PDB file of N, CA and C in Angstrom:
ATOM      1  N   MET A   1     -21.751  -4.265  21.724  1.00  0.00           N
ATOM      2  CA  MET A   1     -22.318  -4.680  20.460  1.00  0.00           C
ATOM      3  C   MET A   1     -21.677  -5.993  20.052  1.00  0.00           C
ATOM      4  N   THR A   2     -22.489  -6.884  19.475  1.00  0.00           N
ATOM      5  CA  THR A   2     -21.991  -8.200  19.085  1.00  0.00           C
ATOM      6  C   THR A   2     -21.974  -8.363  17.569  1.00  0.00           C
ATOM      7  N   SER A   3     -21.205  -9.325  17.110  1.00  0.00           N
ATOM      8  CA  SER A   3     -21.074  -9.596  15.683  1.00  0.00           C
ATOM      9  C   SER A   3     -22.324 -10.293  15.151  1.00  0.00           C
ATOM     10  N   PRO A   4     -22.862  -9.803  14.034  1.00  0.00           N
ATOM     11  CA  PRO A   4     -24.028 -10.448  13.446  1.00  0.00           C
ATOM     12  C   PRO A   4     -23.673 -11.653  12.563  1.00  0.00           C
ATOM     13  N   LEU A   5     -22.365 -11.895  12.348  1.00  0.00           N
ATOM     14  CA  LEU A   5     -21.942 -13.014  11.512  1.00  0.00           C
ATOM     15  C   LEU A   5     -20.513 -13.433  11.848  1.00  0.00           C
ATOM     16  N   VAL A   6     -20.097 -14.559  11.311  1.00  0.00           N
ATOM     17  CA  VAL A   6     -18.732 -15.065  11.479  1.00  0.00           C
ATOM     18  C   VAL A   6     -17.871 -14.488  10.362  1.00  0.00           C
ATOM     19  N   GLY A   7     -16.681 -14.012  10.708  1.00  0.00           N
ATOM     20  CA  GLY A   7     -15.796 -13.473   9.690  1.00  0.00           C
ATOM     21  C   GLY A   7     -14.575 -12.821  10.304  1.00  0.00           C
ATOM     22  N   VAL A   8     -13.914 -11.980   9.504  1.00  0.00           N
ATOM     23  CA  VAL A   8     -12.701 -11.286   9.938  1.00  0.00           C
ATOM     24  C   VAL A   8     -13.055  -9.829  10.238  1.00  0.00           C
ATOM     25  N   TYR A   9     -12.643  -9.361  11.415  1.00  0.00           N
ATOM     26  CA  TYR A   9     -12.974  -8.020  11.906  1.00  0.00           C
ATOM     27  C   TYR A   9     -11.973  -6.985  11.402  1.00  0.00           C
ATOM     28  N   TYR A  10     -12.492  -5.870  10.871  1.00  0.00           N
ATOM     29  CA  TYR A  10     -11.665  -4.728  10.472  1.00  0.00           C
ATOM     30  C   TYR A  10     -12.292  -3.452  11.025  1.00  0.00           C
ATOM     31  N   SER A  11     -11.503  -2.634  11.691  1.00  0.00           N
ATOM     32  CA  SER A  11     -11.999  -1.390  12.272  1.00  0.00           C
ATOM     33  C   SER A  11     -11.826  -0.198  11.332  1.00  0.00           C
ATOM     34  N   LYS A  12     -11.206  -0.441  10.168  1.00  0.00           N
ATOM     35  CA  LYS A  12     -10.963   0.640   9.214  1.00  0.00           C
ATOM     36  C   LYS A  12     -11.116   0.119   7.787  1.00  0.00           C
ATOM     37  N   PRO A  13     -11.377   1.017   6.834  1.00  0.00           N
ATOM     38  CA  PRO A  13     -11.636   0.583   5.455  1.00  0.00           C
ATOM     39  C   PRO A  13     -10.415   0.056   4.708  1.00  0.00           C
ATOM     40  N   SER A  14      -9.215   0.480   5.119  1.00  0.00           N
ATOM     41  CA  SER A  14      -7.973  -0.009   4.511  1.00  0.00           C
ATOM     42  C   SER A  14      -6.861   0.097   5.557  1.00  0.00           C
ATOM     43  N   PRO A  15      -5.747  -0.600   5.344  1.00  0.00           N
ATOM     44  CA  PRO A  15      -4.680  -0.604   6.352  1.00  0.00           C
ATOM     45  C   PRO A  15      -4.138   0.779   6.722  1.00  0.00           C
ATOM     46  N   ASP A  16      -4.123   1.707   5.768  1.00  0.00           N
ATOM     47  CA  ASP A  16      -3.562   3.038   6.020  1.00  0.00           C
ATOM     48  C   ASP A  16      -4.600   4.068   6.453  1.00  0.00           C
ATOM     49  N   ALA A  17      -5.865   3.697   6.436  1.00  0.00           N
ATOM     50  CA  ALA A  17      -6.947   4.633   6.769  1.00  0.00           C
ATOM     51  C   ALA A  17      -7.184   4.687   8.279  1.00  0.00           C
ATOM     52  N   PRO A  18      -7.789   5.776   8.746  1.00  0.00           N
ATOM     53  CA  PRO A  18      -8.145   5.834  10.173  1.00  0.00           C
ATOM     54  C   PRO A  18      -9.330   4.914  10.467  1.00  0.00           C
ATOM     55  N   GLU A  19      -9.530   4.595  11.746  1.00  0.00           N
ATOM     56  CA  GLU A  19     -10.655   3.760  12.153  1.00  0.00           C
ATOM     57  C   GLU A  19     -11.973   4.449  11.799  1.00  0.00           C
ATOM     58  N   PHE A  20     -12.994   3.644  11.525  1.00  0.00           N
ATOM     59  CA  PHE A  20     -14.319   4.203  11.277  1.00  0.00           C
ATOM     60  C   PHE A  20     -14.772   5.025  12.480  1.00  0.00           C
ATOM     61  N   VAL A  21     -14.590   4.465  13.682  1.00  0.00           N
ATOM     62  CA  VAL A  21     -15.003   5.120  14.925  1.00  0.00           C
ATOM     63  C   VAL A  21     -13.904   4.931  15.963  1.00  0.00           C
ATOM     64  N   LYS A  22     -13.479   6.014  16.565  1.00  0.00           N
ATOM     65  CA  LYS A  22     -12.458   5.937  17.611  1.00  0.00           C
ATOM     66  C   LYS A  22     -13.122   5.754  18.977  1.00  0.00           C
ATOM     67  N   VAL A  23     -12.384   5.201  19.922  1.00  0.00           N
ATOM     68  CA  VAL A  23     -12.880   5.054  21.287  1.00  0.00           C
ATOM     69  C   VAL A  23     -13.210   6.446  21.829  1.00  0.00           C
ATOM     70  N   GLY A  24     -14.397   6.579  22.416  1.00  0.00           N
ATOM     71  CA  GLY A  24     -14.848   7.858  22.952  1.00  0.00           C
ATOM     72  C   GLY A  24     -15.676   8.679  21.987  1.00  0.00           C
ATOM     73  N   GLN A  25     -15.718   8.267  20.727  1.00  0.00           N
ATOM     74  CA  GLN A  25     -16.476   8.991  19.715  1.00  0.00           C
ATOM     75  C   GLN A  25     -17.943   8.580  19.764  1.00  0.00           C
ATOM     76  N   THR A  26     -18.846   9.548  19.578  1.00  0.00           N
ATOM     77  CA  THR A  26     -20.278   9.270  19.517  1.00  0.00           C
ATOM     78  C   THR A  26     -20.667   9.049  18.063  1.00  0.00           C
ATOM     79  N   VAL A  27     -21.495   8.043  17.824  1.00  0.00           N
ATOM     80  CA  VAL A  27     -21.941   7.722  16.469  1.00  0.00           C
ATOM     81  C   VAL A  27     -23.429   8.010  16.328  1.00  0.00           C
ATOM     82  N   LYS A  28     -23.839   8.217  15.078  1.00  0.00           N
ATOM     83  CA  LYS A  28     -25.247   8.407  14.749  1.00  0.00           C
ATOM     84  C   LYS A  28     -25.779   7.109  14.147  1.00  0.00           C
ATOM     85  N   VAL A  29     -27.087   6.980  14.109  1.00  0.00           N
ATOM     86  CA  VAL A  29     -27.715   5.824  13.468  1.00  0.00           C
ATOM     87  C   VAL A  29     -27.247   5.773  12.013  1.00  0.00           C
ATOM     88  N   GLY A  30     -26.794   4.604  11.580  1.00  0.00           N
ATOM     89  CA  GLY A  30     -26.342   4.416  10.207  1.00  0.00           C
ATOM     90  C   GLY A  30     -24.850   4.591   9.990  1.00  0.00           C
ATOM     91  N   ASP A  31     -24.131   5.125  10.981  1.00  0.00           N
ATOM     92  CA  ASP A  31     -22.671   5.250  10.856  1.00  0.00           C
ATOM     93  C   ASP A  31     -22.039   3.859  10.805  1.00  0.00           C
ATOM     94  N   ILE A  32     -21.009   3.701   9.986  1.00  0.00           N
ATOM     95  CA  ILE A  32     -20.290   2.431   9.907  1.00  0.00           C
ATOM     96  C   ILE A  32     -19.400   2.300  11.136  1.00  0.00           C
ATOM     97  N   LEU A  33     -19.521   1.183  11.836  1.00  0.00           N
ATOM     98  CA  LEU A  33     -18.732   0.924  13.036  1.00  0.00           C
ATOM     99  C   LEU A  33     -17.502   0.083  12.735  1.00  0.00           C
ATOM    100  N   CYS A  34     -17.655  -0.883  11.817  1.00  0.00           N
ATOM    101  CA  CYS A  34     -16.557  -1.768  11.440  1.00  0.00           C
ATOM    102  C   CYS A  34     -16.979  -2.542  10.202  1.00  0.00           C
ATOM    103  N   ILE A  35     -16.080  -3.370   9.720  1.00  0.00           N
ATOM    104  CA  ILE A  35     -16.363  -4.274   8.601  1.00  0.00           C
ATOM    105  C   ILE A  35     -16.072  -5.685   9.078  1.00  0.00           C
ATOM    106  N   ILE A  36     -16.923  -6.613   8.686  1.00  0.00           N
ATOM    107  CA  ILE A  36     -16.644  -8.027   8.910  1.00  0.00           C
ATOM    108  C   ILE A  36     -16.639  -8.697   7.544  1.00  0.00           C
ATOM    109  N   GLU A  37     -15.473  -9.263   7.203  1.00  0.00           N
ATOM    110  CA  GLU A  37     -15.317  -9.950   5.917  1.00  0.00           C
ATOM    111  C   GLU A  37     -15.748 -11.398   6.084  1.00  0.00           C
ATOM    112  N   ALA A  38     -16.724 -11.797   5.273  1.00  0.00           N
ATOM    113  CA  ALA A  38     -17.213 -13.176   5.294  1.00  0.00           C
ATOM    114  C   ALA A  38     -17.348 -13.656   3.856  1.00  0.00           C
ATOM    115  N   MET A  39     -16.675 -14.741   3.539  1.00  0.00           N
ATOM    116  CA  MET A  39     -16.714 -15.329   2.196  1.00  0.00           C
ATOM    117  C   MET A  39     -16.352 -14.301   1.116  1.00  0.00           C
ATOM    118  N   LYS A  40     -15.300 -13.532   1.379  1.00  0.00           N
ATOM    119  CA  LYS A  40     -14.762 -12.512   0.465  1.00  0.00           C
ATOM    120  C   LYS A  40     -15.702 -11.321   0.264  1.00  0.00           C
ATOM    121  N   VAL A  41     -16.735 -11.200   1.097  1.00  0.00           N
ATOM    122  CA  VAL A  41     -17.654 -10.063   1.037  1.00  0.00           C
ATOM    123  C   VAL A  41     -17.393  -9.176   2.248  1.00  0.00           C
ATOM    124  N   MET A  42     -17.202  -7.882   2.016  1.00  0.00           N
ATOM    125  CA  MET A  42     -16.988  -6.924   3.099  1.00  0.00           C
ATOM    126  C   MET A  42     -18.348  -6.409   3.565  1.00  0.00           C
ATOM    127  N   ASN A  43     -18.748  -6.816   4.763  1.00  0.00           N
ATOM    128  CA  ASN A  43     -20.046  -6.440   5.324  1.00  0.00           C
ATOM    129  C   ASN A  43     -19.873  -5.272   6.286  1.00  0.00           C
ATOM    130  N   GLU A  44     -20.497  -4.140   5.959  1.00  0.00           N
ATOM    131  CA  GLU A  44     -20.429  -2.972   6.833  1.00  0.00           C
ATOM    132  C   GLU A  44     -21.379  -3.174   8.005  1.00  0.00           C
ATOM    133  N   ILE A  45     -20.869  -3.030   9.208  1.00  0.00           N
ATOM    134  CA  ILE A  45     -21.685  -3.130  10.413  1.00  0.00           C
ATOM    135  C   ILE A  45     -21.993  -1.697  10.840  1.00  0.00           C
ATOM    136  N   LYS A  46     -23.286  -1.356  10.856  1.00  0.00           N
ATOM    137  CA  LYS A  46     -23.704   0.026  11.101  1.00  0.00           C
ATOM    138  C   LYS A  46     -24.388   0.175  12.451  1.00  0.00           C
ATOM    139  N   ALA A  47     -24.316   1.383  12.972  1.00  0.00           N
ATOM    140  CA  ALA A  47     -24.955   1.699  14.253  1.00  0.00           C
ATOM    141  C   ALA A  47     -26.472   1.710  14.087  1.00  0.00           C
ATOM    142  N   THR A  48     -27.154   1.094  15.023  1.00  0.00           N
ATOM    143  CA  THR A  48     -28.622   1.096  15.015  1.00  0.00           C
ATOM    144  C   THR A  48     -29.177   2.111  16.005  1.00  0.00           C
ATOM    145  N   GLN A  49     -28.290   2.674  16.831  1.00  0.00           N
ATOM    146  CA  GLN A  49     -28.666   3.700  17.807  1.00  0.00           C
ATOM    147  C   GLN A  49     -27.520   4.692  17.940  1.00  0.00           C
ATOM    148  N   ALA A  50     -27.852   5.915  18.349  1.00  0.00           N
ATOM    149  CA  ALA A  50     -26.810   6.905  18.638  1.00  0.00           C
ATOM    150  C   ALA A  50     -26.194   6.547  19.989  1.00  0.00           C
ATOM    151  N   ARG A  51     -24.918   6.242  19.975  1.00  0.00           N
ATOM    152  CA  ARG A  51     -24.215   5.800  21.192  1.00  0.00           C
ATOM    153  C   ARG A  51     -22.767   6.271  21.152  1.00  0.00           C
ATOM    154  N   CYS A  52     -22.060   6.048  22.254  1.00  0.00           N
ATOM    155  CA  CYS A  52     -20.635   6.362  22.356  1.00  0.00           C
ATOM    156  C   CYS A  52     -19.849   5.057  22.457  1.00  0.00           C
ATOM    157  N   ARG A  53     -18.833   4.919  21.617  1.00  0.00           N
ATOM    158  CA  ARG A  53     -17.982   3.730  21.653  1.00  0.00           C
ATOM    159  C   ARG A  53     -16.996   3.874  22.804  1.00  0.00           C
ATOM    160  N   LYS A  54     -17.032   2.937  23.753  1.00  0.00           N
ATOM    161  CA  LYS A  54     -16.228   3.043  24.966  1.00  0.00           C
ATOM    162  C   LYS A  54     -14.960   2.194  24.959  1.00  0.00           C
ATOM    163  N   LYS A  55     -15.023   1.004  24.358  1.00  0.00           N
ATOM    164  CA  LYS A  55     -13.871   0.099  24.440  1.00  0.00           C
ATOM    165  C   LYS A  55     -13.900  -0.899  23.288  1.00  0.00           C
ATOM    166  N   ASN A  56     -12.739  -1.142  22.675  1.00  0.00           N
ATOM    167  CA  ASN A  56     -12.609  -2.177  21.647  1.00  0.00           C
ATOM    168  C   ASN A  56     -12.390  -3.524  22.318  1.00  0.00           C
ATOM    169  N   LEU A  57     -13.043  -4.559  21.804  1.00  0.00           N
ATOM    170  CA  LEU A  57     -12.884  -5.902  22.355  1.00  0.00           C
ATOM    171  C   LEU A  57     -12.258  -6.866  21.348  1.00  0.00           C
ATOM    172  N   CYS A  58     -12.003  -6.397  20.125  1.00  0.00           N
ATOM    173  CA  CYS A  58     -11.432  -7.251  19.074  1.00  0.00           C
ATOM    174  C   CYS A  58     -10.128  -6.665  18.561  1.00  0.00           C
ATOM    175  N   ILE A  59      -9.293  -7.540  18.060  1.00  0.00           N
ATOM    176  CA  ILE A  59      -8.021  -7.154  17.451  1.00  0.00           C
ATOM    177  C   ILE A  59      -8.218  -7.085  15.940  1.00  0.00           C
ATOM    178  N   GLU A  60      -7.624  -6.091  15.323  1.00  0.00           N
ATOM    179  CA  GLU A  60      -7.697  -5.915  13.873  1.00  0.00           C
ATOM    180  C   GLU A  60      -7.271  -7.195  13.158  1.00  0.00           C
ATOM    181  N   GLY A  61      -8.109  -7.673  12.234  1.00  0.00           N
ATOM    182  CA  GLY A  61      -7.795  -8.864  11.453  1.00  0.00           C
ATOM    183  C   GLY A  61      -8.115 -10.179  12.136  1.00  0.00           C
ATOM    184  N   ALA A  62      -8.673 -10.122  13.340  1.00  0.00           N
ATOM    185  CA  ALA A  62      -9.013 -11.350  14.073  1.00  0.00           C
ATOM    186  C   ALA A  62     -10.320 -11.944  13.555  1.00  0.00           C
ATOM    187  N   THR A  63     -10.427 -13.255  13.642  1.00  0.00           N
ATOM    188  CA  THR A  63     -11.679 -13.927  13.297  1.00  0.00           C
ATOM    189  C   THR A  63     -12.654 -13.769  14.453  1.00  0.00           C
ATOM    190  N   VAL A  64     -13.885 -13.378  14.115  1.00  0.00           N
ATOM    191  CA  VAL A  64     -14.923 -13.229  15.132  1.00  0.00           C
ATOM    192  C   VAL A  64     -16.039 -14.234  14.859  1.00  0.00           C
ATOM    193  N   ASP A  65     -16.674 -14.669  15.922  1.00  0.00           N
ATOM    194  CA  ASP A  65     -17.785 -15.611  15.827  1.00  0.00           C
ATOM    195  C   ASP A  65     -19.109 -14.871  15.889  1.00  0.00           C
ATOM    196  N   PHE A  66     -20.167 -15.551  15.479  1.00  0.00           N
ATOM    197  CA  PHE A  66     -21.515 -15.003  15.592  1.00  0.00           C
ATOM    198  C   PHE A  66     -21.799 -14.667  17.053  1.00  0.00           C
ATOM    199  N   ASP A  67     -22.313 -13.496  17.290  1.00  0.00           N
ATOM    200  CA  ASP A  67     -22.722 -13.025  18.617  1.00  0.00           C
ATOM    201  C   ASP A  67     -21.543 -12.733  19.554  1.00  0.00           C
ATOM    202  N   GLN A  68     -20.320 -12.709  19.031  1.00  0.00           N
ATOM    203  CA  GLN A  68     -19.147 -12.355  19.844  1.00  0.00           C
ATOM    204  C   GLN A  68     -19.139 -10.843  20.074  1.00  0.00           C
ATOM    205  N   PRO A  69     -18.878 -10.390  21.296  1.00  0.00           N
ATOM    206  CA  PRO A  69     -18.785  -8.950  21.546  1.00  0.00           C
ATOM    207  C   PRO A  69     -17.652  -8.315  20.732  1.00  0.00           C
ATOM    208  N   LEU A  70     -17.958  -7.190  20.061  1.00  0.00           N
ATOM    209  CA  LEU A  70     -16.972  -6.473  19.256  1.00  0.00           C
ATOM    210  C   LEU A  70     -16.403  -5.278  20.010  1.00  0.00           C
ATOM    211  N   PHE A  71     -17.282  -4.526  20.642  1.00  0.00           N
ATOM    212  CA  PHE A  71     -16.875  -3.373  21.436  1.00  0.00           C
ATOM    213  C   PHE A  71     -17.987  -2.991  22.396  1.00  0.00           C
ATOM    214  N   VAL A  72     -17.618  -2.191  23.384  1.00  0.00           N
ATOM    215  CA  VAL A  72     -18.581  -1.714  24.376  1.00  0.00           C
ATOM    216  C   VAL A  72     -19.088  -0.353  23.912  1.00  0.00           C
ATOM    217  N   ILE A  73     -20.405  -0.195  23.866  1.00  0.00           N
ATOM    218  CA  ILE A  73     -21.002   1.096  23.529  1.00  0.00           C
ATOM    219  C   ILE A  73     -22.002   1.474  24.614  1.00  0.00           C
ATOM    220  N   GLU A  74     -22.139   2.765  24.851  1.00  0.00           N
ATOM    221  CA  GLU A  74     -23.092   3.254  25.859  1.00  0.00           C
ATOM    222  C   GLU A  74     -23.940   4.354  25.275  1.00  0.00           C
TER     223      GLU A  74
END
């Protein structure tokens, strides 16, 4: 899955919270996968298909570019 916008990648809602989706977890359509902060707005990135998250490709708090791969899903 790729980033729909440029911003800062977060895999969890707050520093002390668990990740929205763990590696190996299956998600349903509409589940929040991560947050990308752009211009002080927290944009929830949601699943468009039921899939399994296989591998993280981004580091927490890293800047991501448009269309940059975020994680591998199958």
